[in-house]
Amino acid sequence: MPTFKLTIAYDGTGFVGWQRQAAGTSVQGLLEDALSELDGRHVDVTGAGRTDAGVHALGQVASVSLKRAIDRRTLMRAVNSRLPESIRIVDAADAAPSFHARFDARSKTYCYRIWNGEVMNPFERAYVWHVPSPVLDVAAMASAATLLEGRHDFAAFQAAGTDTRTTEREVFSSRVRAGSDLVQSPGDPPQFHAKAPDLITYEIAGAGFLRHMVRAIVGTLVEVGRGRRPPAWVGEVLRSRDRSGAGPTAPAPGLFLVSLEYREAIVS
């Protein structure tokens, strides 16, 4: 049975999230339906992470094994023809039979987009958090963001009621940028380039994330940007392990799963 590493981009608007659920349309469910039709049997698709309703992806990764012999380019064409236009397999690579999209991932990168202008660009409304005023202090937000780098207990930035073995995570980088956006060329990793003066982007890379962790961090950084709290407050919140002391959870539409990194030996 050939095994593939699939890289998937999708517009999360209107979906209940990545994971198949009892009610509502999911990205995983649509992929499994398309692959099952292609393979003539039920096919399980394992994703690297569970994006929530309304969250988007430039480079979600999934692992899948098929019964039929098929090359990766034919696989991409066949599956994409069965998917809605809001979901696309952008790359398929041959992988070792043991490849697991979630457990073999070494790091994940997320980006959150904030539109900090009085007038909302109507073409951006499903892909940003509109914070019309005041003008956010990006320098203060950037200073606060670096306090999250390293290995810490991120319980203060976890969704309430989440059941997890440990809330300790390692963050490799935590950066805030003004007036730049992610631009991706086919075959190349996403890069930041100047785009719009009203756009603020937050990029975070780490070994793993808690539920709503990135959105809770963004909501907390915006409190700093609004001048309601000093940058050092973010470090205090982190050490407190108290979710009620942090900022609000930022809305889902501004969040993008950008990319994942894996050991090269698992793919060919």
Protein backbone atom coordinates (compact mmCIF):
# COMPACT_ATOMS: atom_id res chain seq x y z
CA MET A 1 0.00 0.00 0.00
CA PRO A 2 1.64 3.30 -1.07
CA THR A 3 1.85 5.97 1.64
CA PHE A 4 1.79 9.69 0.88
CA LYS A 5 2.56 12.91 2.68
CA LEU A 6 -0.07 15.40 1.52
CA THR A 7 0.31 19.16 1.89
CA ILE A 8 -3.08 20.84 1.90
CA ALA A 9 -4.23 24.46 1.65
CA TYR A 10 -7.76 25.47 2.54
CA ASP A 11 -10.03 28.38 3.27
CA GLY A 12 -11.58 27.42 6.60
CA THR A 13 -14.62 29.68 6.17
CA GLY A 14 -17.80 27.64 6.52
CA PHE A 15 -16.10 24.46 7.77
CA VAL A 16 -16.43 23.07 11.30
CA GLY A 17 -12.64 22.72 11.30
CA TRP A 18 -10.17 20.12 10.13
CA GLN A 19 -11.54 17.14 12.09
CA ARG A 20 -14.51 15.10 10.88
CA GLN A 21 -17.47 15.62 13.20
CA ALA A 22 -20.97 14.21 13.65
CA ALA A 23 -22.50 17.42 12.30
CA GLY A 24 -21.16 19.94 9.82
CA THR A 25 -18.66 19.81 6.97
CA SER A 26 -14.98 19.27 7.81
CA VAL A 27 -11.82 19.38 5.72
CA GLN A 28 -10.79 15.90 6.86
CA GLY A 29 -14.21 14.52 6.00
CA LEU A 30 -14.13 15.91 2.46
CA LEU A 31 -10.62 14.56 1.89
CA GLU A 32 -11.57 11.11 3.19
CA ASP A 33 -14.66 11.05 0.99
CA ALA A 34 -12.64 12.00 -2.10
CA LEU A 35 -9.87 9.47 -1.38
CA SER A 36 -12.35 6.72 -0.55
CA GLU A 37 -14.09 7.25 -3.89
CA LEU A 38 -10.72 7.09 -5.64
CA ASP A 39 -9.52 3.97 -3.78
CA GLY A 40 -12.83 2.06 -3.76
CA ARG A 41 -12.85 1.62 0.02
CA HIS A 42 -12.91 3.74 3.17
CA VAL A 43 -9.65 5.69 3.55
CA ASP A 44 -8.48 7.29 6.81
CA VAL A 45 -6.63 10.59 6.59
CA THR A 46 -4.43 11.61 9.54
CA GLY A 47 -3.80 15.33 9.91
CA ALA A 48 -0.88 17.00 11.65
CA GLY A 49 -3.19 19.18 13.71
CA ARG A 50 -6.84 20.02 14.33
CA THR A 51 -7.57 23.54 13.13
CA ASP A 52 -10.79 24.97 14.56
CA ALA A 53 -13.86 26.23 12.69
CA GLY A 54 -12.96 29.22 10.54
CA VAL A 55 -9.18 28.70 10.75
CA HIS A 56 -7.27 28.50 7.47
CA ALA A 57 -4.19 26.61 6.26
CA LEU A 58 -1.46 27.25 3.75
CA GLY A 59 0.41 24.06 4.57
CA GLN A 60 -1.57 21.55 6.61
CA VAL A 61 -0.01 18.09 6.33
CA ALA A 62 -1.76 14.71 6.28
CA SER A 63 -0.63 11.12 5.94
CA VAL A 64 -2.61 8.53 3.98
CA SER A 65 -2.14 4.99 2.67
CA LEU A 66 -3.96 3.71 -0.42
CA LYS A 67 -4.67 0.22 -1.76
CA ARG A 68 -4.28 1.06 -5.44
CA ALA A 69 -0.96 1.87 -7.09
CA ILE A 70 -0.94 5.52 -8.12
CA ASP A 71 1.74 8.17 -8.67
CA ARG A 72 1.67 11.39 -6.71
CA ARG A 73 0.78 13.71 -9.59
CA THR A 74 -2.16 11.55 -10.65
CA LEU A 75 -3.24 11.42 -7.02
CA MET A 76 -3.24 15.21 -6.73
CA ARG A 77 -5.25 15.69 -9.94
CA ALA A 78 -7.77 12.98 -9.06
CA VAL A 79 -8.40 14.17 -5.50
CA ASN A 80 -8.47 17.90 -6.31
CA SER A 81 -11.10 17.26 -8.99
CA ARG A 82 -13.32 15.77 -6.26
CA LEU A 83 -12.83 18.59 -3.74
CA PRO A 84 -14.50 22.00 -3.47
CA GLU A 85 -12.40 24.91 -4.72
CA SER A 86 -11.75 26.03 -1.14
CA ILE A 87 -9.56 22.94 -0.51
CA ARG A 88 -6.55 21.89 -2.55
CA ILE A 89 -3.77 19.34 -2.23
CA VAL A 90 -0.81 21.51 -3.21
CA ASP A 91 1.81 18.77 -2.95
CA ALA A 92 1.99 15.00 -2.57
CA ALA A 93 5.20 13.14 -1.71
CA ASP A 94 5.97 9.44 -1.38
CA ALA A 95 6.51 8.57 2.26
CA ALA A 96 7.69 5.66 4.36
CA PRO A 97 4.89 3.27 5.43
CA SER A 98 5.48 4.34 9.03
CA PHE A 99 5.02 8.05 8.31
CA HIS A 100 2.58 9.75 10.69
CA ALA A 101 1.66 13.37 9.96
CA ARG A 102 1.13 14.26 13.61
CA PHE A 103 3.70 12.26 15.55
CA ASP A 104 6.59 12.77 13.09
CA ALA A 105 6.26 16.56 12.96
CA ARG A 106 9.22 18.46 14.41
CA SER A 107 7.71 21.96 14.36
CA LYS A 108 4.64 23.93 13.31
CA THR A 109 4.37 27.54 12.23
CA TYR A 110 1.23 29.65 12.57
CA CYS A 111 0.50 33.18 11.41
CA TYR A 112 -2.21 35.49 12.74
CA ARG A 113 -3.32 38.55 10.73
CA ILE A 114 -4.72 41.76 12.27
CA TRP A 115 -6.23 44.61 10.24
CA ASN A 116 -5.51 47.76 12.26
CA GLY A 117 -7.26 50.36 10.11
CA GLU A 118 -10.51 52.28 10.45
CA VAL A 119 -11.84 50.96 7.12
CA MET A 120 -11.91 47.21 6.63
CA ASN A 121 -10.84 45.92 3.23
CA PRO A 122 -13.93 43.86 2.21
CA PHE A 123 -11.75 41.29 0.45
CA GLU A 124 -9.85 40.62 3.70
CA ARG A 125 -12.83 40.30 6.03
CA ALA A 126 -12.69 36.48 6.27
CA TYR A 127 -8.93 36.38 6.85
CA VAL A 128 -8.18 38.96 9.57
CA TRP A 129 -9.24 40.25 12.97
CA HIS A 130 -10.40 43.82 12.43
CA VAL A 131 -9.12 46.03 15.26
CA PRO A 132 -10.11 49.50 14.00
CA SER A 133 -8.73 51.61 16.84
CA PRO A 134 -6.56 52.67 18.47
CA VAL A 135 -3.43 52.37 16.34
CA LEU A 136 -1.68 49.44 17.99
CA ASP A 137 1.80 49.87 19.45
CA VAL A 138 3.58 47.26 17.35
CA ALA A 139 6.93 47.79 19.06
CA ALA A 140 5.39 47.01 22.45
CA MET A 141 3.65 43.93 21.05
CA ALA A 142 6.90 42.73 19.47
CA SER A 143 8.75 43.17 22.76
CA ALA A 144 6.07 41.24 24.63
CA ALA A 145 6.01 38.45 22.04
CA THR A 146 9.68 37.55 22.57
CA LEU A 147 8.93 36.75 26.24
CA LEU A 148 7.09 33.63 25.05
CA GLU A 149 10.11 32.08 23.35
CA GLY A 150 11.64 29.00 24.97
CA ARG A 151 10.16 26.15 26.97
CA HIS A 152 7.38 27.28 29.31
CA ASP A 153 4.14 26.17 30.89
CA PHE A 154 1.48 27.77 28.66
CA ALA A 155 -1.55 26.91 30.84
CA ALA A 156 -2.53 30.62 30.85
CA PHE A 157 -3.01 30.45 27.08
CA GLN A 158 -5.00 27.23 26.87
CA ALA A 159 -8.74 26.97 26.22
CA ALA A 160 -10.65 26.41 29.45
CA GLY A 161 -11.71 22.82 30.13
CA THR A 162 -9.12 21.24 27.83
CA ASP A 163 -7.87 17.84 28.95
CA THR A 164 -4.16 17.44 28.16
CA ARG A 165 -1.32 15.52 29.80
CA THR A 166 0.96 18.55 30.11
CA THR A 167 0.67 22.26 29.31
CA GLU A 168 4.42 22.68 28.83
CA ARG A 169 5.42 23.58 25.27
CA GLU A 170 8.52 24.88 23.47
CA VAL A 171 8.24 27.99 21.29
CA PHE A 172 11.11 28.48 18.84
CA SER A 173 10.17 31.97 17.65
CA SER A 174 7.48 34.55 18.44
CA ARG A 175 7.46 37.65 16.23
CA VAL A 176 5.18 40.62 15.47
CA ARG A 177 5.54 42.53 12.18
CA ALA A 178 3.82 45.65 10.83
CA GLY A 179 2.88 46.24 7.20
CA SER A 180 3.95 42.82 5.94
CA ASP A 181 2.20 39.63 4.95
CA LEU A 182 2.91 36.04 4.06
CA VAL A 183 3.56 35.49 0.36
CA GLN A 184 4.11 31.99 -0.96
CA SER A 185 5.48 30.92 -4.33
CA PRO A 186 4.89 27.36 -5.59
CA GLY A 187 7.51 25.05 -4.12
CA ASP A 188 8.93 27.70 -1.79
CA PRO A 189 8.27 28.25 1.93
CA PRO A 190 6.11 31.27 2.84
CA GLN A 191 8.04 34.52 3.23
CA PHE A 192 7.08 37.91 4.68
CA HIS A 193 6.91 40.84 2.26
CA ALA A 194 5.62 44.40 2.51
CA LYS A 195 1.95 44.59 1.60
CA ALA A 196 -0.36 46.94 3.50
CA PRO A 197 0.28 49.57 6.17
CA ASP A 198 -2.85 48.54 8.09
CA LEU A 199 -1.78 44.89 8.40
CA ILE A 200 -0.06 43.46 11.47
CA THR A 201 1.09 39.84 11.46
CA TYR A 202 2.06 37.60 14.34
CA GLU A 203 4.17 34.53 13.55
CA ILE A 204 4.88 31.75 16.03
CA ALA A 205 6.77 28.49 15.54
CA GLY A 206 7.01 25.70 18.07
CA ALA A 207 7.18 22.00 18.70
CA GLY A 208 3.47 21.87 19.55
CA PHE A 209 0.53 23.99 20.66
CA LEU A 210 -2.34 23.81 23.11
CA ARG A 211 -5.96 24.31 22.03
CA HIS A 212 -6.58 28.00 21.24
CA MET A 213 -3.03 28.80 22.41
CA VAL A 214 -2.10 31.03 19.46
CA ARG A 215 -5.39 32.91 19.50
CA ALA A 216 -5.13 33.48 23.28
CA ILE A 217 -1.60 34.81 22.82
CA VAL A 218 -2.78 37.19 20.08
CA GLY A 219 -5.63 38.48 22.24
CA THR A 220 -3.12 39.12 25.03
CA LEU A 221 -0.66 40.89 22.72
CA VAL A 222 -3.43 43.17 21.47
CA GLU A 223 -4.08 44.26 25.06
CA VAL A 224 -0.44 45.37 25.13
CA GLY A 225 -0.78 47.05 21.74
CA ARG A 226 -3.80 49.00 22.97
CA GLY A 227 -1.71 50.36 25.83
CA ARG A 228 -3.80 48.67 28.49
CA ARG A 229 -0.84 46.61 29.74
CA PRO A 230 2.97 46.90 29.55
CA PRO A 231 4.98 44.30 27.60
CA ALA A 232 6.30 42.72 30.82
CA TRP A 233 2.71 41.80 31.76
CA VAL A 234 2.76 38.99 29.19
CA GLY A 235 5.59 37.34 31.12
CA GLU A 236 3.60 37.69 34.33
CA VAL A 237 0.57 36.06 32.73
CA LEU A 238 2.73 33.21 31.46
CA ARG A 239 4.14 32.53 34.92
CA SER A 240 0.71 32.76 36.56
CA ARG A 241 -0.68 29.74 34.62
CA ASP A 242 -4.09 31.47 35.01
CA ARG A 243 -6.19 31.70 31.82
CA SER A 244 -8.52 34.27 33.39
CA GLY A 245 -5.61 36.70 33.73
CA ALA A 246 -4.73 36.71 30.03
CA GLY A 247 -6.38 38.58 27.18
CA PRO A 248 -9.40 37.40 25.19
CA THR A 249 -9.21 34.66 22.56
CA ALA A 250 -8.74 36.29 19.16
CA PRO A 251 -11.32 35.36 16.46
CA ALA A 252 -10.64 32.30 14.31
CA PRO A 253 -10.60 33.91 10.82
CA GLY A 254 -7.23 35.62 11.34
CA LEU A 255 -5.35 32.38 12.02
CA PHE A 256 -3.42 30.37 9.42
CA LEU A 257 -1.52 27.11 9.83
CA VAL A 258 1.47 28.01 7.65
CA SER A 259 3.78 25.00 7.56
CA LEU A 260 5.22 21.95 9.30
CA GLU A 261 8.72 20.55 9.37
CA TYR A 262 9.62 16.85 9.33
CA ARG A 263 12.66 14.64 9.32
CA GLU A 264 13.76 14.24 5.70
CA ALA A 265 14.13 10.46 6.05
CA ILE A 266 10.38 9.93 6.18
CA VAL A 267 9.71 11.18 2.65
CA SER A 268 11.31 10.63 -0.73
